[in-house]
Amino acid sequence: MHIPAGKKVYFLSDFHLGVPDHASSLVREKKIVAFLERAKADAATIFIVGDLFDFWFEYRKVVPKGFVRILGKLAELTDAGIPVHFFVGNHDMWMSGYFEKELNIPVYHESRVFEFNGKKLLVGHGDGLGPGDHGYKTIKKVFRNPLLKFLFGLIPPFFGISLAAYFSKSSRASTGESDEKFLGEDNEWLILYCRQLLKENEYDYFVFGHRHLPIDFQLNEKSRYINLGDWIKYDSYAVFDGTALQLKFN
């Protein structure tokens, strides 16, 4: 895709709308909507790279209550002809067509390569990648199992959404302060993952979320790893201006 002069590609992730409570989530939602309104002026494309919601499950006729401002803004962007791409995260992986049908937004369940102005970007949420964390990788496979998803859909929404939202909040709280510290290039699993991929292919940028810590790390002379941070603490995002990708703060 060619990015015209004066246009930009925006990358954001980890809003976790819904936590820790409705009031603070609403403040965060309004802040993100205001940012998207400003970005609308020069956005060629916008990427939401996972965990927009702290919990999301689509029943056949029901979706979780709330989030009308962000959903309305995303619909406004696509109606205006600005492509929006959405990657599922570990908190909102149970997408089943609502975004595609109602918002005209493609939804990706795995990392994907994009090319802008000759620059090759690998984009994804980042959960379950790299070495270690075998427990989560097993849980991820279980949660993505079509049969489990079908069975969960048989639970009445009042009970199903309440139960899943409780466990989602517990998962977010359990990460503690480890997300806030850079672990060093030999212990950051996404850096290790990027370096492994670079042994087989060339990439200019790796763009991930999930880590909740803004990171801009030079992998080699050509390639950089960008972690988008979050909108809980950092209000961080990345922008590609047609030439280079930069990590920024709102």
Protein backbone atom coordinates (compact mmCIF):
# COMPACT_ATOMS: atom_id res chain seq x y z
CA MET A 1 0.00 0.00 0.00
CA HIS A 2 1.28 3.45 -0.92
CA ILE A 3 0.94 6.13 1.75
CA PRO A 4 0.44 9.53 0.08
CA ALA A 5 2.40 12.56 1.25
CA GLY A 6 0.80 14.08 4.34
CA LYS A 7 -0.98 10.85 5.31
CA LYS A 8 -0.09 8.50 8.17
CA VAL A 9 -0.70 4.99 9.45
CA TYR A 10 -1.65 4.81 13.13
CA PHE A 11 -1.11 1.82 15.45
CA LEU A 12 -2.78 1.57 18.89
CA SER A 13 -3.41 -1.29 21.31
CA ASP A 14 -4.45 -2.38 24.78
CA PHE A 15 -7.29 -0.05 25.73
CA HIS A 16 -8.86 -2.71 28.01
CA LEU A 17 -12.17 -0.89 28.05
CA GLY A 18 -14.38 -2.12 30.85
CA VAL A 19 -11.83 -2.08 33.70
CA PRO A 20 -11.32 -1.31 36.47
CA ASP A 21 -14.85 0.13 36.61
CA HIS A 22 -17.37 1.83 34.35
CA ALA A 23 -16.51 5.39 35.36
CA SER A 24 -12.75 5.21 34.74
CA SER A 25 -13.23 3.11 31.62
CA LEU A 26 -15.58 5.76 30.23
CA VAL A 27 -12.98 8.48 30.80
CA ARG A 28 -10.43 6.37 28.93
CA GLU A 29 -12.88 5.63 26.14
CA LYS A 30 -13.64 9.33 25.61
CA LYS A 31 -9.90 10.09 25.50
CA ILE A 32 -9.33 7.43 22.83
CA VAL A 33 -12.30 8.64 20.79
CA ALA A 34 -10.92 12.19 20.91
CA PHE A 35 -7.55 10.91 19.70
CA LEU A 36 -9.18 9.04 16.80
CA GLU A 37 -11.10 12.19 15.87
CA ARG A 38 -7.81 14.09 15.58
CA ALA A 39 -6.18 11.22 13.68
CA LYS A 40 -9.05 11.20 11.21
CA ALA A 41 -7.63 14.35 9.57
CA ASP A 42 -4.51 12.63 8.20
CA ALA A 43 -5.03 8.88 8.69
CA ALA A 44 -4.49 6.65 5.68
CA THR A 45 -5.11 3.52 7.78
CA ILE A 46 -5.63 2.75 11.48
CA PHE A 47 -4.61 -0.45 13.24
CA ILE A 48 -6.12 -1.54 16.56
CA VAL A 49 -3.68 -4.22 17.70
CA GLY A 50 -5.68 -6.15 20.28
CA ASP A 51 -7.31 -5.90 23.71
CA LEU A 52 -9.57 -3.03 22.77
CA PHE A 53 -11.92 -4.55 25.34
CA ASP A 54 -10.98 -6.22 28.60
CA PHE A 55 -13.59 -8.82 27.67
CA TRP A 56 -15.59 -9.47 24.53
CA PHE A 57 -17.76 -12.39 23.47
CA GLU A 58 -20.21 -12.41 20.60
CA TYR A 59 -23.33 -14.46 21.02
CA ARG A 60 -25.41 -14.98 17.88
CA LYS A 61 -27.79 -12.15 18.84
CA VAL A 62 -25.98 -10.46 21.75
CA VAL A 63 -22.76 -8.50 22.24
CA PRO A 64 -21.50 -7.01 25.53
CA LYS A 65 -23.28 -3.89 26.72
CA GLY A 66 -21.58 -0.51 26.43
CA PHE A 67 -18.66 0.89 24.40
CA VAL A 68 -20.99 2.81 22.10
CA ARG A 69 -18.60 5.76 21.73
CA ILE A 70 -15.63 3.76 20.48
CA LEU A 71 -17.78 1.55 18.27
CA GLY A 72 -19.52 4.58 16.81
CA LYS A 73 -16.18 6.30 16.13
CA LEU A 74 -14.79 3.22 14.39
CA ALA A 75 -17.91 3.03 12.23
CA GLU A 76 -17.54 6.74 11.43
CA LEU A 77 -13.93 6.20 10.32
CA THR A 78 -14.73 3.32 7.99
CA ASP A 79 -17.80 5.11 6.64
CA ALA A 80 -15.47 8.01 5.78
CA GLY A 81 -13.31 5.63 3.75
CA ILE A 82 -10.47 5.22 6.27
CA PRO A 83 -9.53 1.52 6.54
CA VAL A 84 -9.39 0.16 10.09
CA HIS A 85 -7.73 -3.18 10.87
CA PHE A 86 -8.36 -5.08 14.10
CA PHE A 87 -6.20 -7.79 15.67
CA VAL A 88 -7.76 -9.84 18.44
CA GLY A 89 -5.93 -9.88 21.76
CA ASN A 90 -6.00 -12.37 24.58
CA HIS A 91 -8.91 -10.49 26.19
CA ASP A 92 -11.11 -10.08 23.11
CA MET A 93 -10.29 -13.15 21.02
CA TRP A 94 -13.91 -14.33 20.74
CA MET A 95 -14.88 -12.28 17.71
CA SER A 96 -17.43 -13.82 15.35
CA GLY A 97 -18.28 -11.41 12.55
CA TYR A 98 -19.75 -8.39 14.35
CA PHE A 99 -16.89 -6.04 13.48
CA GLU A 100 -16.82 -7.21 9.87
CA LYS A 101 -20.58 -6.90 9.35
CA GLU A 102 -21.44 -3.80 11.39
CA LEU A 103 -18.22 -1.78 11.22
CA ASN A 104 -16.64 -3.00 7.96
CA ILE A 105 -13.44 -3.83 9.86
CA PRO A 106 -11.41 -6.94 9.01
CA VAL A 107 -10.46 -8.99 12.07
CA TYR A 108 -7.19 -10.94 12.27
CA HIS A 109 -6.53 -13.80 14.68
CA GLU A 110 -2.83 -14.17 13.87
CA SER A 111 0.07 -11.84 13.09
CA ARG A 112 0.11 -10.50 9.55
CA VAL A 113 2.61 -8.83 7.21
CA PHE A 114 1.82 -5.43 5.67
CA GLU A 115 3.94 -3.38 3.31
CA PHE A 116 3.79 0.41 3.17
CA ASN A 117 5.98 2.43 0.82
CA GLY A 118 8.43 -0.42 0.51
CA LYS A 119 8.67 -0.99 4.29
CA LYS A 120 7.75 -4.46 5.52
CA LEU A 121 5.89 -4.61 8.85
CA LEU A 122 4.86 -7.67 10.84
CA VAL A 123 1.86 -6.70 12.99
CA GLY A 124 0.13 -8.71 15.72
CA HIS A 125 -1.04 -8.59 19.31
CA GLY A 126 1.98 -10.54 20.52
CA ASP A 127 0.46 -12.95 23.05
CA GLY A 128 1.80 -16.49 23.06
CA LEU A 129 4.78 -15.68 20.84
CA GLY A 130 8.40 -16.43 21.60
CA PRO A 131 9.90 -18.93 24.06
CA GLY A 132 8.39 -20.01 27.36
CA ASP A 133 4.94 -19.24 28.82
CA HIS A 134 3.74 -22.74 27.93
CA GLY A 135 0.85 -22.53 30.37
CA TYR A 136 -0.69 -19.55 28.60
CA LYS A 137 -0.05 -21.09 25.17
CA THR A 138 -2.03 -24.15 26.24
CA ILE A 139 -4.86 -22.02 27.62
CA LYS A 140 -4.92 -19.99 24.38
CA LYS A 141 -5.40 -23.15 22.32
CA VAL A 142 -8.22 -24.25 24.62
CA PHE A 143 -9.98 -20.87 24.47
CA ARG A 144 -9.75 -20.82 20.68
CA ASN A 145 -11.20 -24.31 20.38
CA PRO A 146 -14.43 -24.03 18.30
CA LEU A 147 -16.25 -26.58 20.48
CA LEU A 148 -15.47 -24.69 23.69
CA LYS A 149 -16.59 -21.46 22.07
CA PHE A 150 -19.86 -23.11 21.00
CA LEU A 151 -20.48 -24.53 24.47
CA PHE A 152 -19.78 -21.19 26.12
CA GLY A 153 -22.31 -19.64 23.75
CA LEU A 154 -24.98 -21.90 25.22
CA ILE A 155 -24.60 -20.21 28.62
CA PRO A 156 -27.17 -17.39 29.02
CA PRO A 157 -25.44 -14.02 28.40
CA PHE A 158 -26.12 -12.69 31.92
CA PHE A 159 -24.15 -15.54 33.48
CA GLY A 160 -21.62 -16.09 30.69
CA ILE A 161 -20.52 -12.49 30.31
CA SER A 162 -20.44 -11.92 34.08
CA LEU A 163 -18.29 -15.03 34.64
CA ALA A 164 -15.88 -14.29 31.80
CA ALA A 165 -15.55 -10.62 32.77
CA TYR A 166 -14.59 -11.66 36.31
CA PHE A 167 -11.80 -13.94 35.08
CA SER A 168 -10.66 -11.30 32.57
CA LYS A 169 -10.26 -8.71 35.33
CA SER A 170 -8.40 -11.23 37.47
CA SER A 171 -6.01 -11.95 34.60
CA ARG A 172 -5.25 -8.28 34.04
CA ALA A 173 -4.71 -7.64 37.75
CA SER A 174 -2.43 -10.64 38.15
CA THR A 175 0.24 -9.21 35.85
CA GLY A 176 1.24 -6.82 38.63
CA GLU A 177 4.15 -4.48 38.01
CA SER A 178 6.19 -6.85 35.84
CA ASP A 179 4.71 -5.20 32.74
CA GLU A 180 6.27 -1.91 33.77
CA LYS A 181 9.88 -3.08 33.63
CA PHE A 182 12.07 -3.76 30.61
CA LEU A 183 13.48 -7.22 31.25
CA GLY A 184 16.56 -6.89 29.05
CA GLU A 185 16.99 -8.01 25.46
CA ASP A 186 17.83 -11.58 26.51
CA ASN A 187 14.62 -11.94 28.53
CA GLU A 188 12.04 -10.00 26.51
CA TRP A 189 10.24 -12.84 24.74
CA LEU A 190 9.04 -10.69 21.83
CA ILE A 191 12.58 -9.51 21.12
CA LEU A 192 13.70 -13.14 21.09
CA TYR A 193 10.79 -13.99 18.79
CA CYS A 194 11.67 -11.16 16.38
CA ARG A 195 15.31 -12.21 16.24
CA GLN A 196 14.29 -15.77 15.44
CA LEU A 197 12.12 -14.60 12.53
CA LEU A 198 14.92 -12.40 11.21
CA LYS A 199 17.01 -15.52 10.66
CA GLU A 200 14.63 -16.51 7.86
CA ASN A 201 13.12 -13.26 6.54
CA GLU A 202 13.79 -9.54 6.51
CA TYR A 203 11.42 -7.09 8.19
CA ASP A 204 11.74 -3.38 8.70
CA TYR A 205 9.44 -3.26 11.72
CA PHE A 206 7.77 -5.61 14.18
CA VAL A 207 4.69 -3.99 15.76
CA PHE A 208 3.12 -5.70 18.77
CA GLY A 209 0.95 -4.89 21.77
CA HIS A 210 0.19 -7.09 24.79
CA ARG A 211 3.34 -6.10 26.70
CA HIS A 212 1.76 -2.90 28.13
CA LEU A 213 5.18 -1.23 28.05
CA PRO A 214 6.17 1.20 25.28
CA ILE A 215 9.36 -0.21 23.71
CA ASP A 216 11.39 0.92 20.71
CA PHE A 217 14.26 -1.54 20.27
CA GLN A 218 16.79 -1.72 17.45
CA LEU A 219 17.17 -5.37 16.47
CA ASN A 220 19.82 -4.90 13.79
CA GLU A 221 20.91 -2.27 11.28
CA LYS A 222 17.59 -2.50 9.43
CA SER A 223 14.95 -3.86 11.79
CA ARG A 224 13.21 -2.43 14.86
CA TYR A 225 10.75 -3.83 17.36
CA ILE A 226 8.01 -1.48 18.52
CA ASN A 227 5.72 -2.33 21.41
CA LEU A 228 2.73 -0.04 21.51
CA GLY A 229 2.35 0.11 25.30
CA ASP A 230 -1.21 0.80 26.41
CA TRP A 231 -3.88 3.44 27.09
CA ILE A 232 -4.24 2.55 30.75
CA LYS A 233 -1.02 4.22 31.89
CA TYR A 234 1.00 5.46 28.90
CA ASP A 235 -1.44 6.64 26.19
CA SER A 236 1.17 5.48 23.68
CA TYR A 237 0.90 4.68 19.99
CA ALA A 238 3.01 4.47 16.84
CA VAL A 239 2.81 6.41 13.57
CA PHE A 240 4.22 5.55 10.15
CA ASP A 241 4.54 8.72 8.06
CA GLY A 242 5.41 7.03 4.79
CA THR A 243 9.11 6.87 5.60
CA ALA A 244 9.65 5.80 9.20
CA LEU A 245 7.72 4.39 12.17
CA GLN A 246 7.87 6.31 15.45
CA LEU A 247 6.61 5.52 18.95
CA LYS A 248 4.73 8.49 20.38
CA PHE A 249 2.63 9.54 23.38
CA ASN A 250 -0.71 11.31 23.40
